[in-house]
């Protein structure tokens, strides 16, 4: 494994994971139960990452399934609006449904209601994974929710094998969502297996702690994964991040903002990080650019629509006094 996988420099990614519809109360500050109006846009971790990458000048193709109905078509239309390649998004019939998130732009007692009954994105198959021409891309990205159920779990591990055979690095956002999993034991096993097969791993302290069997063991888990030659980014919320690369531990701060919601930050961080690595930035600077993208997203309504483009990111960096000291 390489400390900075060359494939990222191609700035062309194949992304596995979910797309969904987000509905958020409008205007900002309105509780969902008191709202007269909701805005709708693209959501879902992998879809958000894909949209963020394209906004920052990259290319991204999403591999997922959506329901063959108005909501699924809405997501397809929004993916295309953001410039994401939808050639590998398959519409499926029956009782499967595209995920829906209903939330609000508030930080106190934030509410996010997730509907994932019979989730369509879990129906990605090994055949879907095999239809991808991996040599057309520079790297594979996935968010951890794909491993919560079959057949998408096996399909994504199959994609890992295909990517490795084609020489692509594997980038893994742990993205642990307990409500998606049948049990913590299944989650810990699958996520740890995915971590072992990845080249670059991003997660927060709780996610690494979960994989390690205790919050106090998370940092040691990150170090253990890094010793095999991986890049591991251990996020600590307001405490910044620790990046393990080439035997070094790089500590970075955050860009404080007036946040209006807590969601979308991790997806934007990943997009900003990878876009910066693709642009030739050193690892420390790439992590900080990812942190700036995260700060921008939590200060705006929505997730995909809140992702910054390159001009907005540069404007933020030039005007913000941060980052904080780690």
Protein backbone atom coordinates (compact mmCIF):
# COMPACT_ATOMS: atom_id res chain seq x y z
CA UNK A 1 0.00 0.00 0.00
CA UNK A 2 1.20 3.48 -0.84
CA UNK A 3 1.01 6.41 1.59
CA UNK A 4 -0.52 8.59 -1.11
CA UNK A 5 -2.12 6.30 -3.68
CA UNK A 6 -1.32 7.50 -7.19
CA UNK A 7 -4.81 6.77 -8.45
CA UNK A 8 -6.32 9.63 -6.46
CA UNK A 9 -4.38 12.01 -8.68
CA UNK A 10 -6.58 11.05 -11.63
CA UNK A 11 -9.42 12.85 -9.82
CA UNK A 12 -11.93 10.36 -11.23
CA UNK A 13 -13.72 8.18 -8.69
CA UNK A 14 -16.15 5.29 -8.69
CA UNK A 15 -18.30 5.57 -5.57
CA UNK A 16 -20.38 2.81 -3.96
CA UNK A 17 -23.24 3.61 -1.60
CA UNK A 18 -26.58 5.23 -1.23
CA UNK A 19 -28.40 8.13 -2.78
CA UNK A 20 -31.51 9.44 -1.07
CA UNK A 21 -33.93 12.32 -0.88
CA UNK A 22 -33.39 14.95 1.81
CA UNK A 23 -36.28 17.12 2.96
CA UNK A 24 -35.31 19.95 5.26
CA UNK A 25 -37.53 22.49 6.98
CA UNK A 26 -37.48 25.98 5.50
CA UNK A 27 -36.46 28.58 6.55
CA UNK A 28 -33.41 27.70 8.66
CA UNK A 29 -34.23 27.55 12.36
CA UNK A 30 -37.69 26.02 11.79
CA UNK A 31 -38.50 22.79 13.60
CA UNK A 32 -39.72 20.03 11.31
CA UNK A 33 -42.99 19.66 13.21
CA UNK A 34 -43.67 23.39 12.87
CA UNK A 35 -42.72 23.73 9.21
CA UNK A 36 -45.09 24.93 6.52
CA UNK A 37 -42.48 24.41 3.81
CA UNK A 38 -39.75 21.84 3.18
CA UNK A 39 -37.01 22.00 0.59
CA UNK A 40 -35.98 18.81 -1.18
CA UNK A 41 -32.60 17.87 -2.61
CA UNK A 42 -30.13 15.04 -2.98
CA UNK A 43 -28.87 13.24 0.12
CA UNK A 44 -27.16 10.01 1.14
CA UNK A 45 -23.48 9.81 2.09
CA UNK A 46 -22.06 8.44 -1.14
CA UNK A 47 -24.23 10.67 -3.31
CA UNK A 48 -23.14 13.69 -1.26
CA UNK A 49 -19.46 12.75 -1.60
CA UNK A 50 -19.92 12.34 -5.35
CA UNK A 51 -21.61 15.73 -5.70
CA UNK A 52 -18.92 17.34 -3.56
CA UNK A 53 -16.13 15.90 -5.69
CA UNK A 54 -17.69 17.16 -8.91
CA UNK A 55 -18.24 20.63 -7.43
CA UNK A 56 -14.54 20.72 -6.60
CA UNK A 57 -13.53 19.86 -10.16
CA UNK A 58 -13.38 16.08 -10.07
CA UNK A 59 -15.36 13.31 -11.71
CA UNK A 60 -17.49 10.77 -9.88
CA UNK A 61 -19.67 7.82 -10.94
CA UNK A 62 -22.11 6.45 -8.36
CA UNK A 63 -22.91 2.73 -8.16
CA UNK A 64 -26.22 2.17 -6.36
CA UNK A 65 -29.86 1.19 -6.74
CA UNK A 66 -32.87 3.46 -6.42
CA UNK A 67 -36.58 2.69 -6.46
CA UNK A 68 -38.31 2.82 -9.82
CA UNK A 69 -40.67 5.58 -8.74
CA UNK A 70 -40.88 9.35 -8.46
CA UNK A 71 -38.46 9.53 -5.52
CA UNK A 72 -35.86 7.38 -7.25
CA UNK A 73 -36.18 9.48 -10.39
CA UNK A 74 -35.86 12.64 -8.30
CA UNK A 75 -32.52 11.37 -7.00
CA UNK A 76 -31.35 10.46 -10.50
CA UNK A 77 -32.26 13.94 -11.74
CA UNK A 78 -30.43 15.62 -8.86
CA UNK A 79 -27.34 13.45 -9.36
CA UNK A 80 -27.28 14.54 -13.01
CA UNK A 81 -27.87 18.15 -11.94
CA UNK A 82 -24.66 17.99 -9.91
CA UNK A 83 -22.76 16.33 -12.75
CA UNK A 84 -22.47 12.85 -11.19
CA UNK A 85 -22.27 9.95 -13.68
CA UNK A 86 -25.40 7.79 -13.21
CA UNK A 87 -24.57 5.04 -15.72
CA UNK A 88 -24.29 2.54 -12.84
CA UNK A 89 -27.43 3.60 -10.94
CA UNK A 90 -30.03 0.86 -11.41
CA UNK A 91 -33.76 1.46 -10.86
CA UNK A 92 -35.51 -1.49 -9.22
CA UNK A 93 -39.20 -2.33 -8.86
CA UNK A 94 -41.15 -4.09 -6.17
CA UNK A 95 -41.43 -2.83 -2.61
CA UNK A 96 -37.90 -1.45 -2.32
CA UNK A 97 -37.74 2.27 -1.55
CA UNK A 98 -35.17 5.01 -1.87
CA UNK A 99 -34.12 6.41 1.52
CA UNK A 100 -35.72 9.59 2.82
CA UNK A 101 -34.29 11.91 5.48
CA UNK A 102 -36.43 14.62 7.07
CA UNK A 103 -34.46 17.11 9.15
CA UNK A 104 -34.11 20.72 10.16
CA UNK A 105 -31.48 23.47 10.19
CA UNK A 106 -31.07 23.75 13.95
CA UNK A 107 -28.29 22.66 16.28
CA UNK A 108 -30.12 22.41 19.63
CA UNK A 109 -32.03 19.13 19.93
CA UNK A 110 -31.48 18.44 16.22
CA UNK A 111 -33.94 15.96 14.73
CA UNK A 112 -33.23 13.78 11.71
CA UNK A 113 -35.94 11.24 10.86
CA UNK A 114 -34.65 8.52 8.53
CA UNK A 115 -36.89 6.23 6.48
CA UNK A 116 -34.91 3.20 5.27
CA UNK A 117 -37.52 0.44 5.21
CA UNK A 118 -36.70 -2.02 2.41
CA UNK A 119 -33.86 0.25 1.34
CA UNK A 120 -33.30 0.12 -2.40
CA UNK A 121 -29.57 0.81 -2.09
CA UNK A 122 -29.04 -2.49 -0.28
CA UNK A 123 -30.03 -4.29 -3.51
CA UNK A 124 -26.76 -3.64 -5.33
CA UNK A 125 -25.49 -7.04 -6.50
CA UNK A 126 -22.19 -8.64 -7.42
CA UNK A 127 -23.35 -8.43 -11.04
CA UNK A 128 -23.67 -4.65 -10.60
CA UNK A 129 -20.15 -4.55 -9.22
CA UNK A 130 -18.80 -6.63 -12.10
CA UNK A 131 -20.36 -4.36 -14.73
CA UNK A 132 -18.09 -1.48 -13.73
CA UNK A 133 -14.99 -0.84 -15.87
CA UNK A 134 -12.61 -0.13 -13.00
CA UNK A 135 -9.74 0.84 -15.26
CA UNK A 136 -11.73 3.95 -16.23
CA UNK A 137 -11.29 5.35 -12.70
CA UNK A 138 -8.45 6.30 -10.41
CA UNK A 139 -9.85 5.14 -7.08
CA UNK A 140 -12.85 3.49 -5.42
CA UNK A 141 -14.74 5.14 -2.56
CA UNK A 142 -17.35 3.66 -0.27
CA UNK A 143 -19.21 4.68 2.86
CA UNK A 144 -19.75 2.00 5.48
CA UNK A 145 -23.55 1.74 5.28
CA UNK A 146 -23.23 -0.44 2.14
CA UNK A 147 -21.98 -3.26 4.38
CA UNK A 148 -25.06 -3.25 6.65
CA UNK A 149 -27.06 -5.75 4.57
CA UNK A 150 -26.88 -8.24 1.76
CA UNK A 151 -26.58 -8.29 -1.20
CA UNK A 152 -24.81 -4.90 -1.10
CA UNK A 153 -22.28 -6.12 1.48
CA UNK A 154 -21.02 -8.93 -0.72
CA UNK A 155 -21.27 -6.75 -3.80
CA UNK A 156 -19.05 -4.06 -2.32
CA UNK A 157 -16.45 -6.55 -1.14
CA UNK A 158 -16.54 -7.91 -4.69
CA UNK A 159 -15.95 -4.35 -5.92
CA UNK A 160 -12.95 -4.13 -3.57
CA UNK A 161 -11.49 -7.24 -5.23
CA UNK A 162 -12.16 -5.86 -8.70
CA UNK A 163 -10.63 -2.52 -7.82
CA UNK A 164 -7.54 -4.16 -6.38
CA UNK A 165 -7.15 -6.30 -9.51
CA UNK A 166 -7.32 -3.12 -11.61
CA UNK A 167 -4.73 -1.37 -9.44
CA UNK A 168 -7.16 1.08 -7.83
CA UNK A 169 -6.77 2.24 -4.22
CA UNK A 170 -9.77 1.73 -1.94
CA UNK A 171 -11.00 4.67 0.15
CA UNK A 172 -13.30 3.88 3.07
CA UNK A 173 -15.45 6.26 5.10
CA UNK A 174 -16.52 4.23 8.15
CA UNK A 175 -19.84 6.13 8.39
CA UNK A 176 -21.36 3.86 11.07
CA UNK A 177 -25.14 4.32 11.32
CA UNK A 178 -26.49 1.90 13.97
CA UNK A 179 -30.07 2.02 12.66
CA UNK A 180 -28.97 0.35 9.39
CA UNK A 181 -27.42 -2.72 10.97
CA UNK A 182 -28.95 -5.96 12.31
CA UNK A 183 -26.57 -5.96 15.31
CA UNK A 184 -23.44 -4.22 16.63
CA UNK A 185 -21.54 -7.49 16.26
CA UNK A 186 -22.28 -7.78 12.55
CA UNK A 187 -21.32 -4.12 12.10
CA UNK A 188 -18.02 -4.44 13.94
CA UNK A 189 -17.05 -7.52 11.91
CA UNK A 190 -17.95 -6.09 8.49
CA UNK A 191 -16.50 -2.64 9.11
CA UNK A 192 -13.25 -4.08 10.45
CA UNK A 193 -12.98 -6.32 7.39
CA UNK A 194 -13.52 -3.31 5.14
CA UNK A 195 -10.86 -1.36 7.03
CA UNK A 196 -8.37 -4.18 6.59
CA UNK A 197 -8.94 -4.09 2.82
CA UNK A 198 -8.68 -0.31 2.39
CA UNK A 199 -5.82 2.05 1.59
CA UNK A 200 -7.25 5.25 3.07
CA UNK A 201 -9.67 5.18 6.01
CA UNK A 202 -11.62 8.12 7.43
CA UNK A 203 -13.70 7.91 10.60
CA UNK A 204 -14.44 9.65 13.84
CA UNK A 205 -13.33 8.70 17.32
CA UNK A 206 -16.60 6.90 18.08
CA UNK A 207 -16.42 4.85 14.86
CA UNK A 208 -12.84 3.71 15.45
CA UNK A 209 -13.73 3.02 19.07
CA UNK A 210 -16.69 0.94 17.97
CA UNK A 211 -14.50 -1.17 15.68
CA UNK A 212 -12.00 -1.60 18.51
CA UNK A 213 -14.58 -2.58 21.12
CA UNK A 214 -14.42 0.58 23.24
CA UNK A 215 -14.20 4.34 22.77
CA UNK A 216 -10.95 4.46 24.71
CA UNK A 217 -9.38 2.04 22.20
CA UNK A 218 -10.22 3.98 19.04
CA UNK A 219 -6.91 5.82 18.69
CA UNK A 220 -4.98 2.59 19.11
CA UNK A 221 -7.18 0.99 16.43
CA UNK A 222 -6.36 3.84 14.05
CA UNK A 223 -2.64 3.41 14.76
CA UNK A 224 -2.92 -0.34 14.19
CA UNK A 225 -4.54 0.16 10.78
CA UNK A 226 -1.93 2.75 9.82
CA UNK A 227 1.00 0.49 10.68
CA UNK A 228 0.15 -1.63 7.63
CA UNK A 229 0.90 1.35 5.38
CA UNK A 230 -2.56 2.91 5.18
CA UNK A 231 -3.47 6.55 5.55
CA UNK A 232 -5.84 6.79 8.50
CA UNK A 233 -7.68 9.97 9.46
CA UNK A 234 -9.09 9.98 12.98
CA UNK A 235 -11.60 12.80 13.41
CA UNK A 236 -12.43 14.22 16.82
CA UNK A 237 -15.12 16.80 16.13
CA UNK A 238 -14.19 20.14 17.64
CA UNK A 239 -10.87 18.60 18.68
CA UNK A 240 -9.70 18.43 15.07
CA UNK A 241 -8.13 15.35 13.55
CA UNK A 242 -5.09 13.10 13.73
CA UNK A 243 -3.77 11.82 10.40
CA UNK A 244 -1.53 8.76 10.42
CA UNK A 245 0.69 8.63 7.34
CA UNK A 246 4.22 7.32 6.69
CA UNK A 247 4.73 6.65 10.39
CA UNK A 248 3.89 10.24 11.34
CA UNK A 249 0.95 11.58 13.35
CA UNK A 250 -0.23 14.91 11.96
CA UNK A 251 -2.60 16.89 14.18
CA UNK A 252 -4.84 19.54 12.66
CA UNK A 253 -7.52 21.88 13.97
CA UNK A 254 -10.89 22.96 12.62
CA UNK A 255 -12.48 26.07 11.14
CA UNK A 256 -15.08 27.29 13.67
CA UNK A 257 -18.32 28.57 12.13
CA UNK A 258 -21.86 29.34 13.25
CA UNK A 259 -23.30 25.93 12.47
CA UNK A 260 -26.99 25.60 11.68
CA UNK A 261 -27.05 21.78 11.56
CA UNK A 262 -24.72 18.83 12.32
CA UNK A 263 -25.19 16.72 9.17
CA UNK A 264 -23.20 16.58 5.93
CA UNK A 265 -19.85 17.50 7.43
CA UNK A 266 -18.24 14.08 7.00
CA UNK A 267 -19.29 13.77 3.37
CA UNK A 268 -17.95 17.23 2.55
CA UNK A 269 -14.73 16.51 4.44
CA UNK A 270 -14.13 13.43 2.29
CA UNK A 271 -14.80 15.31 -0.94
CA UNK A 272 -12.52 18.19 0.06
CA UNK A 273 -9.77 15.85 1.24
CA UNK A 274 -9.69 13.81 -1.96
CA UNK A 275 -9.98 16.83 -4.24
CA UNK A 276 -7.01 18.38 -2.47
CA UNK A 277 -4.90 15.21 -2.67
CA UNK A 278 -5.79 14.99 -6.37
CA UNK A 279 -4.69 18.62 -6.72
CA UNK A 280 -1.24 17.83 -5.33
CA UNK A 281 -1.62 19.30 -1.84
CA UNK A 282 0.42 17.75 0.99
CA UNK A 283 -1.56 15.53 3.34
CA UNK A 284 -1.78 18.11 6.13
CA UNK A 285 -3.09 20.79 3.79
CA UNK A 286 -5.52 18.31 2.21
CA UNK A 287 -6.96 17.47 5.63
CA UNK A 288 -7.37 21.16 6.41
CA UNK A 289 -9.13 21.79 3.10
CA UNK A 290 -11.45 18.89 3.92
CA UNK A 291 -12.10 20.46 7.33
CA UNK A 292 -12.92 23.78 5.67
CA UNK A 293 -15.43 22.03 3.39
CA UNK A 294 -17.04 20.43 6.44
CA UNK A 295 -17.33 23.82 8.13
CA UNK A 296 -18.98 25.33 5.08
CA UNK A 297 -21.59 22.57 4.87
CA UNK A 298 -22.74 22.78 8.49
CA UNK A 299 -23.27 26.53 8.07
CA UNK A 300 -25.72 26.08 5.15
CA UNK A 301 -29.07 24.28 4.71
CA UNK A 302 -29.07 20.87 3.06
CA UNK A 303 -26.19 18.53 2.28
CA UNK A 304 -25.48 18.18 -1.45
CA UNK A 305 -26.57 21.79 -2.17
CA UNK A 306 -24.38 23.02 0.69
CA UNK A 307 -21.20 21.45 -0.69
CA UNK A 308 -18.79 24.19 -1.80
CA UNK A 309 -17.29 24.57 -5.23
CA UNK A 310 -13.63 25.49 -5.61
CA UNK A 311 -14.24 29.25 -5.73
CA UNK A 312 -16.37 29.13 -2.58
CA UNK A 313 -13.75 27.05 -0.78
CA UNK A 314 -10.96 29.46 -1.71
CA UNK A 315 -13.07 32.42 -0.63
CA UNK A 316 -13.75 30.76 2.73
CA UNK A 317 -10.07 29.96 3.29
CA UNK A 318 -8.98 33.48 2.42
CA UNK A 319 -11.50 35.12 4.74
CA UNK A 320 -11.54 32.73 7.72
CA UNK A 321 -9.04 33.37 10.55
CA UNK A 322 -8.68 29.62 11.30
CA UNK A 323 -7.85 26.89 11.67
CA UNK A 324 -7.69 26.37 15.42
CA UNK A 325 -4.59 24.99 17.02
CA UNK A 326 -4.89 21.19 17.27
